[in-house]
Amino acid sequence: MPPAPEVCCTIPLGTPVRLEIMEPLSSKTQKEGDQFKIRLAQPVSVHGQVVLTAGDVGVGEVVDVAPAGFTGRGGKLVLAARYIDQQGVRVRLMAFKLGGSGVSHEDSSLVVSTVGAVAVGPLGVIPGVLIKGGQIDIPAGAEATAKLSSAIDLHPAASPDATDRKTSP
């Protein structure tokens, strides 16, 4: 039996990552289940060694959506960051959050769940997110954050079939 590949680094559960949404999204045009591209906006380092490079791409998903209604109902767009691909290894994500934090408006909602979704309400003002006529429009290039949903061991040369390696749930 060949020896197991040497482990380079373990990225801990909950490690924050900075993301960029790579395509425009709208409550008017998106459908539940639509996938969209995300990209790692900043490298992630463990003990001074870069383990995820800026520019690594991944996938987000539209979890729930509703266009603005004729009765004044605002649009709804619930998004989840699913994973970043790093040399064939899917680095799973959770706690997806758009823009800044600490924004509070009486009739708005920003929900971050442990399953990795964010909902933006009809009157919320979140940096980088434009709301026109009750629809929710997120431009390409909008920044977001997420966290790793499990610790993951990365090997110096990950093989293409080495997906979803996790060390904890």
C-alpha atoms as a PDB file:
ATOM      1  CA  MET A   1       0.000   0.000   0.000  1.00  0.00           C
ATOM      2  CA  PRO A   2       1.457   3.414  -0.952  1.00  0.00           C
ATOM      3  CA  PRO A   3       1.989   5.880   1.891  1.00  0.00           C
ATOM      4  CA  ALA A   4      -0.662   8.556   2.406  1.00  0.00           C
ATOM      5  CA  PRO A   5       0.242  11.942   0.940  1.00  0.00           C
ATOM      6  CA  GLU A   6       1.837  14.330   3.387  1.00  0.00           C
ATOM      7  CA  VAL A   7      -0.619  16.849   4.810  1.00  0.00           C
ATOM      8  CA  CYS A   8       0.423  20.432   4.160  1.00  0.00           C
ATOM      9  CA  CYS A   9      -2.048  22.312   6.239  1.00  0.00           C
ATOM     10  CA  THR A  10      -5.305  22.022   8.079  1.00  0.00           C
ATOM     11  CA  ILE A  11      -7.620  24.963   7.581  1.00  0.00           C
ATOM     12  CA  PRO A  12      -9.763  25.218  10.738  1.00  0.00           C
ATOM     13  CA  LEU A  13     -13.564  25.063  10.850  1.00  0.00           C
ATOM     14  CA  GLY A  14     -15.041  28.563  10.727  1.00  0.00           C
ATOM     15  CA  THR A  15     -12.067  30.185   8.986  1.00  0.00           C
ATOM     16  CA  PRO A  16     -13.425  33.378   7.386  1.00  0.00           C
ATOM     17  CA  VAL A  17     -13.022  33.910   3.640  1.00  0.00           C
ATOM     18  CA  ARG A  18     -13.633  37.013   1.555  1.00  0.00           C
ATOM     19  CA  LEU A  19     -15.531  36.396  -1.674  1.00  0.00           C
ATOM     20  CA  GLU A  20     -16.570  38.250  -4.805  1.00  0.00           C
ATOM     21  CA  ILE A  21     -19.780  37.494  -6.694  1.00  0.00           C
ATOM     22  CA  MET A  22     -18.718  37.186 -10.328  1.00  0.00           C
ATOM     23  CA  GLU A  23     -22.034  37.791 -12.117  1.00  0.00           C
ATOM     24  CA  PRO A  24     -25.054  40.034 -11.579  1.00  0.00           C
ATOM     25  CA  LEU A  25     -27.986  38.517  -9.684  1.00  0.00           C
ATOM     26  CA  SER A  26     -31.570  39.782  -9.510  1.00  0.00           C
ATOM     27  CA  SER A  27     -34.789  38.779  -7.784  1.00  0.00           C
ATOM     28  CA  LYS A  28     -36.466  39.546 -11.127  1.00  0.00           C
ATOM     29  CA  THR A  29     -34.515  37.028 -13.249  1.00  0.00           C
ATOM     30  CA  GLN A  30     -33.020  34.358 -10.961  1.00  0.00           C
ATOM     31  CA  LYS A  31     -34.761  31.066 -10.210  1.00  0.00           C
ATOM     32  CA  GLU A  32     -34.452  28.775  -7.219  1.00  0.00           C
ATOM     33  CA  GLY A  33     -31.557  26.372  -7.785  1.00  0.00           C
ATOM     34  CA  ASP A  34     -29.654  28.702 -10.133  1.00  0.00           C
ATOM     35  CA  GLN A  35     -25.927  28.516  -9.553  1.00  0.00           C
ATOM     36  CA  PHE A  36     -23.592  31.483  -9.834  1.00  0.00           C
ATOM     37  CA  LYS A  37     -19.818  31.891  -9.802  1.00  0.00           C
ATOM     38  CA  ILE A  38     -17.954  33.209  -6.800  1.00  0.00           C
ATOM     39  CA  ARG A  39     -14.241  33.901  -6.431  1.00  0.00           C
ATOM     40  CA  LEU A  40     -11.910  34.094  -3.452  1.00  0.00           C
ATOM     41  CA  ALA A  41     -11.117  37.819  -3.158  1.00  0.00           C
ATOM     42  CA  GLN A  42      -8.223  37.467  -0.689  1.00  0.00           C
ATOM     43  CA  PRO A  43      -5.811  34.610  -0.004  1.00  0.00           C
ATOM     44  CA  VAL A  44      -6.262  32.472   3.126  1.00  0.00           C
ATOM     45  CA  SER A  45      -3.139  31.719   5.166  1.00  0.00           C
ATOM     46  CA  VAL A  46      -2.489  29.164   7.905  1.00  0.00           C
ATOM     47  CA  HIS A  47       0.654  29.678  10.032  1.00  0.00           C
ATOM     48  CA  GLY A  48       1.952  32.165   7.460  1.00  0.00           C
ATOM     49  CA  GLN A  49       1.535  29.788   4.513  1.00  0.00           C
ATOM     50  CA  VAL A  50      -1.009  30.631   1.794  1.00  0.00           C
ATOM     51  CA  VAL A  51      -3.345  27.636   1.506  1.00  0.00           C
ATOM     52  CA  LEU A  52      -6.111  29.154  -0.627  1.00  0.00           C
ATOM     53  CA  THR A  53      -5.099  31.644  -3.290  1.00  0.00           C
ATOM     54  CA  ALA A  54      -7.020  34.742  -4.291  1.00  0.00           C
ATOM     55  CA  GLY A  55      -8.786  34.036  -7.546  1.00  0.00           C
ATOM     56  CA  ASP A  56      -9.781  30.446  -6.695  1.00  0.00           C
ATOM     57  CA  VAL A  57     -13.318  30.043  -8.054  1.00  0.00           C
ATOM     58  CA  GLY A  58     -16.363  28.353  -6.638  1.00  0.00           C
ATOM     59  CA  VAL A  59     -20.123  28.106  -6.710  1.00  0.00           C
ATOM     60  CA  GLY A  60     -22.999  29.837  -4.993  1.00  0.00           C
ATOM     61  CA  GLU A  61     -26.661  28.917  -5.292  1.00  0.00           C
ATOM     62  CA  VAL A  62     -30.005  30.717  -5.261  1.00  0.00           C
ATOM     63  CA  VAL A  63     -31.906  29.101  -2.383  1.00  0.00           C
ATOM     64  CA  ASP A  64     -35.147  31.097  -2.585  1.00  0.00           C
ATOM     65  CA  VAL A  65     -36.349  33.930  -4.798  1.00  0.00           C
ATOM     66  CA  ALA A  66     -39.458  36.010  -5.405  1.00  0.00           C
ATOM     67  CA  PRO A  67     -39.781  39.014  -7.713  1.00  0.00           C
ATOM     68  CA  ALA A  68     -41.335  42.242  -6.483  1.00  0.00           C
ATOM     69  CA  GLY A  69     -45.129  42.134  -6.511  1.00  0.00           C
ATOM     70  CA  PHE A  70     -47.707  44.535  -7.881  1.00  0.00           C
ATOM     71  CA  THR A  71     -49.043  45.089  -4.368  1.00  0.00           C
ATOM     72  CA  GLY A  72     -45.811  46.742  -3.268  1.00  0.00           C
ATOM     73  CA  ARG A  73     -44.227  43.543  -2.037  1.00  0.00           C
ATOM     74  CA  GLY A  74     -40.461  43.745  -2.337  1.00  0.00           C
ATOM     75  CA  GLY A  75     -38.321  41.147  -4.044  1.00  0.00           C
ATOM     76  CA  LYS A  76     -36.637  38.366  -2.131  1.00  0.00           C
ATOM     77  CA  LEU A  77     -33.283  36.779  -2.941  1.00  0.00           C
ATOM     78  CA  VAL A  78     -31.776  34.133  -0.649  1.00  0.00           C
ATOM     79  CA  LEU A  79     -28.269  33.056  -1.607  1.00  0.00           C
ATOM     80  CA  ALA A  80     -25.827  30.449  -0.312  1.00  0.00           C
ATOM     81  CA  ALA A  81     -22.094  30.115  -0.920  1.00  0.00           C
ATOM     82  CA  ARG A  82     -21.528  26.393  -1.510  1.00  0.00           C
ATOM     83  CA  TYR A  83     -17.785  25.901  -2.086  1.00  0.00           C
ATOM     84  CA  ILE A  84     -14.458  27.153  -3.423  1.00  0.00           C
ATOM     85  CA  ASP A  85     -12.500  24.773  -5.649  1.00  0.00           C
ATOM     86  CA  GLN A  86      -8.825  24.514  -4.696  1.00  0.00           C
ATOM     87  CA  GLN A  87      -6.890  22.180  -7.011  1.00  0.00           C
ATOM     88  CA  GLY A  88      -9.811  19.768  -7.277  1.00  0.00           C
ATOM     89  CA  VAL A  89     -10.705  19.892  -3.577  1.00  0.00           C
ATOM     90  CA  ARG A  90     -14.095  21.406  -2.732  1.00  0.00           C
ATOM     91  CA  VAL A  91     -13.690  23.672   0.259  1.00  0.00           C
ATOM     92  CA  ARG A  92     -17.268  23.879   1.585  1.00  0.00           C
ATOM     93  CA  LEU A  93     -18.636  27.194   2.884  1.00  0.00           C
ATOM     94  CA  MET A  94     -21.353  28.428   5.270  1.00  0.00           C
ATOM     95  CA  ALA A  95     -22.580  31.686   6.872  1.00  0.00           C
ATOM     96  CA  PHE A  96     -22.671  33.663   3.608  1.00  0.00           C
ATOM     97  CA  LYS A  97     -23.088  37.401   4.136  1.00  0.00           C
ATOM     98  CA  LEU A  98     -23.157  40.252   1.623  1.00  0.00           C
ATOM     99  CA  GLY A  99     -21.642  43.685   2.196  1.00  0.00           C
ATOM    100  CA  GLY A 100     -20.966  45.176   5.599  1.00  0.00           C
ATOM    101  CA  SER A 101     -22.402  44.483   8.999  1.00  0.00           C
ATOM    102  CA  GLY A 102     -24.261  46.448  11.603  1.00  0.00           C
ATOM    103  CA  VAL A 103     -26.740  48.002   9.156  1.00  0.00           C
ATOM    104  CA  SER A 104     -30.149  48.355  10.757  1.00  0.00           C
ATOM    105  CA  HIS A 105     -33.308  49.597   9.060  1.00  0.00           C
ATOM    106  CA  GLU A 106     -36.791  49.159  10.481  1.00  0.00           C
ATOM    107  CA  ASP A 107     -38.347  47.480   7.437  1.00  0.00           C
ATOM    108  CA  SER A 108     -35.338  45.539   6.182  1.00  0.00           C
ATOM    109  CA  SER A 109     -33.997  42.106   6.837  1.00  0.00           C
ATOM    110  CA  LEU A 110     -30.579  40.536   6.643  1.00  0.00           C
ATOM    111  CA  VAL A 111     -30.566  36.941   7.776  1.00  0.00           C
ATOM    112  CA  VAL A 112     -27.423  34.856   8.047  1.00  0.00           C
ATOM    113  CA  SER A 113     -28.067  31.238   8.877  1.00  0.00           C
ATOM    114  CA  THR A 114     -25.790  28.408   9.844  1.00  0.00           C
ATOM    115  CA  VAL A 115     -26.759  26.600   6.652  1.00  0.00           C
ATOM    116  CA  GLY A 116     -24.954  29.317   4.726  1.00  0.00           C
ATOM    117  CA  ALA A 117     -27.640  31.556   3.252  1.00  0.00           C
ATOM    118  CA  VAL A 118     -28.286  35.283   3.268  1.00  0.00           C
ATOM    119  CA  ALA A 119     -31.612  37.003   2.641  1.00  0.00           C
ATOM    120  CA  VAL A 120     -31.812  40.644   1.678  1.00  0.00           C
ATOM    121  CA  GLY A 121     -35.103  42.416   2.391  1.00  0.00           C
ATOM    122  CA  PRO A 122     -36.904  44.926   0.177  1.00  0.00           C
ATOM    123  CA  LEU A 123     -35.785  48.116   1.923  1.00  0.00           C
ATOM    124  CA  GLY A 124     -32.384  47.070   3.220  1.00  0.00           C
ATOM    125  CA  VAL A 125     -29.394  49.246   2.405  1.00  0.00           C
ATOM    126  CA  ILE A 126     -26.318  47.064   2.133  1.00  0.00           C
ATOM    127  CA  PRO A 127     -23.071  48.386   0.594  1.00  0.00           C
ATOM    128  CA  GLY A 128     -22.611  47.041  -2.934  1.00  0.00           C
ATOM    129  CA  VAL A 129     -26.252  46.015  -3.336  1.00  0.00           C
ATOM    130  CA  LEU A 130     -28.610  48.104  -5.456  1.00  0.00           C
ATOM    131  CA  ILE A 131     -32.364  47.936  -4.891  1.00  0.00           C
ATOM    132  CA  LYS A 132     -34.511  49.337  -7.709  1.00  0.00           C
ATOM    133  CA  GLY A 133     -38.293  49.357  -7.758  1.00  0.00           C
ATOM    134  CA  GLY A 134     -38.603  46.695  -5.093  1.00  0.00           C
ATOM    135  CA  GLN A 135     -36.357  44.211  -6.920  1.00  0.00           C
ATOM    136  CA  ILE A 136     -33.078  43.063  -5.433  1.00  0.00           C
ATOM    137  CA  ASP A 137     -30.138  43.531  -7.779  1.00  0.00           C
ATOM    138  CA  ILE A 138     -26.654  42.418  -6.801  1.00  0.00           C
ATOM    139  CA  PRO A 139     -23.978  43.626  -9.219  1.00  0.00           C
ATOM    140  CA  ALA A 140     -21.028  41.541 -10.403  1.00  0.00           C
ATOM    141  CA  GLY A 141     -18.091  42.350  -8.164  1.00  0.00           C
ATOM    142  CA  ALA A 142     -20.166  42.658  -4.971  1.00  0.00           C
ATOM    143  CA  GLU A 143     -18.152  41.537  -1.958  1.00  0.00           C
ATOM    144  CA  ALA A 144     -19.302  38.937   0.512  1.00  0.00           C
ATOM    145  CA  THR A 145     -17.900  36.848   3.335  1.00  0.00           C
ATOM    146  CA  ALA A 146     -18.345  33.215   4.339  1.00  0.00           C
ATOM    147  CA  LYS A 147     -16.727  30.680   6.647  1.00  0.00           C
ATOM    148  CA  LEU A 148     -15.440  27.176   6.130  1.00  0.00           C
ATOM    149  CA  SER A 149     -18.138  24.680   7.094  1.00  0.00           C
ATOM    150  CA  SER A 150     -15.582  22.109   8.274  1.00  0.00           C
ATOM    151  CA  ALA A 151     -11.878  21.801   8.877  1.00  0.00           C
ATOM    152  CA  ILE A 152     -10.082  20.530   5.808  1.00  0.00           C
ATOM    153  CA  ASP A 153      -6.665  18.993   5.203  1.00  0.00           C
ATOM    154  CA  LEU A 154      -4.921  20.199   2.071  1.00  0.00           C
ATOM    155  CA  HIS A 155      -2.135  18.159   0.521  1.00  0.00           C
ATOM    156  CA  PRO A 156       0.793  19.622  -1.444  1.00  0.00           C
ATOM    157  CA  ALA A 157      -0.455  18.084  -4.717  1.00  0.00           C
ATOM    158  CA  ALA A 158      -4.169  17.351  -4.500  1.00  0.00           C
ATOM    159  CA  SER A 159      -5.283  14.779  -7.051  1.00  0.00           C
ATOM    160  CA  PRO A 160      -8.317  15.561  -9.259  1.00  0.00           C
ATOM    161  CA  ASP A 161     -10.398  12.854  -7.569  1.00  0.00           C
ATOM    162  CA  ALA A 162      -9.657  14.159  -4.069  1.00  0.00           C
ATOM    163  CA  THR A 163     -12.874  16.073  -3.455  1.00  0.00           C
ATOM    164  CA  ASP A 164     -14.640  16.845  -0.212  1.00  0.00           C
ATOM    165  CA  ARG A 165     -11.825  15.756   2.152  1.00  0.00           C
ATOM    166  CA  LYS A 166     -12.933  16.781   5.611  1.00  0.00           C
ATOM    167  CA  THR A 167     -11.492  16.254   9.052  1.00  0.00           C
ATOM    168  CA  SER A 168     -14.533  17.251  11.083  1.00  0.00           C
ATOM    169  CA  PRO A 169     -18.292  17.537  10.446  1.00  0.00           C
END
